Protein backbone atom coordinates (compact mmCIF):
# COMPACT_ATOMS: atom_id res chain seq x y z
CA UNK A 1 -6.79 6.93 23.22
CA UNK A 2 -9.77 6.01 25.40
CA UNK A 3 -9.69 1.91 26.89
CA UNK A 4 -11.62 0.29 30.04
CA UNK A 5 -8.50 1.44 32.41
CA UNK A 6 -8.99 5.15 31.08
CA UNK A 7 -7.88 7.51 29.03
CA UNK A 8 -4.26 7.82 27.39
CA UNK A 9 -4.28 11.41 28.32
CA UNK A 10 -1.69 12.10 26.59
CA UNK A 11 -2.41 11.04 23.05
CA UNK A 12 -6.03 12.30 24.29
CA UNK A 13 -5.12 16.14 24.75
CA UNK A 14 -3.21 15.85 21.65
CA UNK A 15 -5.67 14.99 19.23
CA UNK A 16 -7.91 17.17 21.66
CA UNK A 17 -5.93 19.98 20.28
CA UNK A 18 -5.04 19.01 16.82
CA UNK A 19 -8.89 18.57 16.17
CA UNK A 20 -9.57 22.42 17.86
CA UNK A 21 -7.09 24.10 15.06
CA UNK A 22 -9.18 22.11 12.59
CA UNK A 23 -12.43 23.41 13.78
CA UNK A 24 -11.39 26.92 14.19
CA UNK A 25 -10.10 26.21 10.29
CA UNK A 26 -13.20 24.28 8.92
CA UNK A 27 -15.72 26.73 7.97
CA UNK A 28 -13.07 28.20 5.92
CA UNK A 29 -13.39 25.09 3.80
CA UNK A 30 -17.30 25.91 2.93
CA UNK A 31 -16.84 29.44 0.81
CA UNK A 32 -20.22 30.84 -0.94
CA UNK A 33 -19.33 29.15 -4.05
CA UNK A 34 -18.94 25.89 -3.08
CA UNK A 35 -22.87 25.59 -2.63
CA UNK A 36 -23.18 23.07 -4.94
CA UNK A 37 -26.01 20.87 -3.40
CA UNK A 38 -28.68 19.48 -6.54
CA UNK A 39 -31.01 17.30 -4.51
CA UNK A 40 -31.74 13.50 -6.07
CA UNK A 41 -28.66 13.19 -8.18
CA UNK A 42 -25.72 10.65 -8.03
CA UNK A 43 -23.09 12.37 -5.72
CA UNK A 44 -19.33 11.27 -5.88
CA UNK A 45 -17.90 12.00 -2.27
CA UNK A 46 -15.04 12.64 -3.10
CA UNK A 47 -15.75 16.08 -5.16
CA UNK A 48 -19.27 16.56 -4.31
CA UNK A 49 -20.78 18.28 -1.42
CA UNK A 50 -23.13 16.73 1.55
CA UNK A 51 -23.30 20.08 2.75
CA UNK A 52 -27.32 21.54 2.94
CA UNK A 53 -27.91 24.52 1.59
CA UNK A 54 -28.59 25.79 4.82
CA UNK A 55 -25.15 26.14 5.86
CA UNK A 56 -24.57 28.88 3.47
CA UNK A 57 -27.80 30.48 4.32
CA UNK A 58 -27.12 30.34 8.06
CA UNK A 59 -23.09 30.71 7.75
CA UNK A 60 -23.14 32.66 10.75
CA UNK A 61 -24.78 30.12 13.00
CA UNK A 62 -22.18 27.35 11.15
CA UNK A 63 -19.71 29.23 11.91
CA UNK A 64 -20.69 29.78 15.77
CA UNK A 65 -20.79 26.18 16.04
CA UNK A 66 -17.23 25.62 14.95
CA UNK A 67 -15.95 27.77 17.08
CA UNK A 68 -17.65 26.35 20.33
CA UNK A 69 -16.62 23.07 19.46
CA UNK A 70 -13.40 24.07 18.68
CA UNK A 71 -13.48 25.69 22.41
CA UNK A 72 -14.20 22.62 23.65
CA UNK A 73 -11.66 20.72 21.81
CA UNK A 74 -9.30 23.26 23.65
CA UNK A 75 -10.64 22.44 26.88
CA UNK A 76 -10.35 18.95 26.48
CA UNK A 77 -6.54 19.38 25.41
CA UNK A 78 -6.01 21.00 28.10
CA UNK A 79 -7.46 18.42 30.82
CA UNK A 80 -5.52 16.92 33.70
CA UNK A 81 -7.76 14.49 35.13
CA UNK A 82 -9.31 11.65 32.55
CA UNK A 83 -13.13 12.49 33.93
CA UNK A 84 -12.89 16.09 32.34
CA UNK A 85 -11.11 14.72 29.45
CA UNK A 86 -14.05 12.25 29.00
CA UNK A 87 -16.55 15.43 29.78
CA UNK A 88 -15.41 17.36 27.45
CA UNK A 89 -15.36 14.79 24.79
CA UNK A 90 -18.69 13.75 25.14
CA UNK A 91 -19.83 17.43 24.51
CA UNK A 92 -17.46 17.62 21.97
CA UNK A 93 -19.59 14.53 20.56
CA UNK A 94 -22.71 16.59 21.32
CA UNK A 95 -21.72 19.69 19.23
CA UNK A 96 -20.28 17.79 16.33
CA UNK A 97 -23.79 15.69 16.40
CA UNK A 98 -25.72 18.57 16.50
CA UNK A 99 -23.80 20.45 13.70
CA UNK A 100 -23.83 17.85 11.02
CA UNK A 101 -28.17 17.21 12.04
CA UNK A 102 -28.55 20.67 10.84
CA UNK A 103 -25.82 20.94 8.05
CA UNK A 104 -25.16 17.54 6.39
CA UNK A 105 -27.22 15.82 3.53
CA UNK A 106 -26.40 12.07 3.54
CA UNK A 107 -29.20 11.33 1.51
CA UNK A 108 -32.08 12.82 -1.26
């Protein structure tokens, strides 16, 4: 959707709108009983969680982060100019990266 020539706005806005909707639903995929993190065990990425236990102990923050990221994606879906879309895309990437840094356990 992005190239050296710029952003394909219709496609970019459509993807951003879908991301916004998914981010609204995302926190609901992590009810309290899904906290199954165990350190130093082999994990199956198809069924085991990579979410850190802190996700559940700081669930309000996790929920707020997803809601804020959803708003950024929504704003990108309404952008009229490629430069505005790119700014929102950078902001969305930062929101995703910061949430992963706080709540994703990749190793250990």
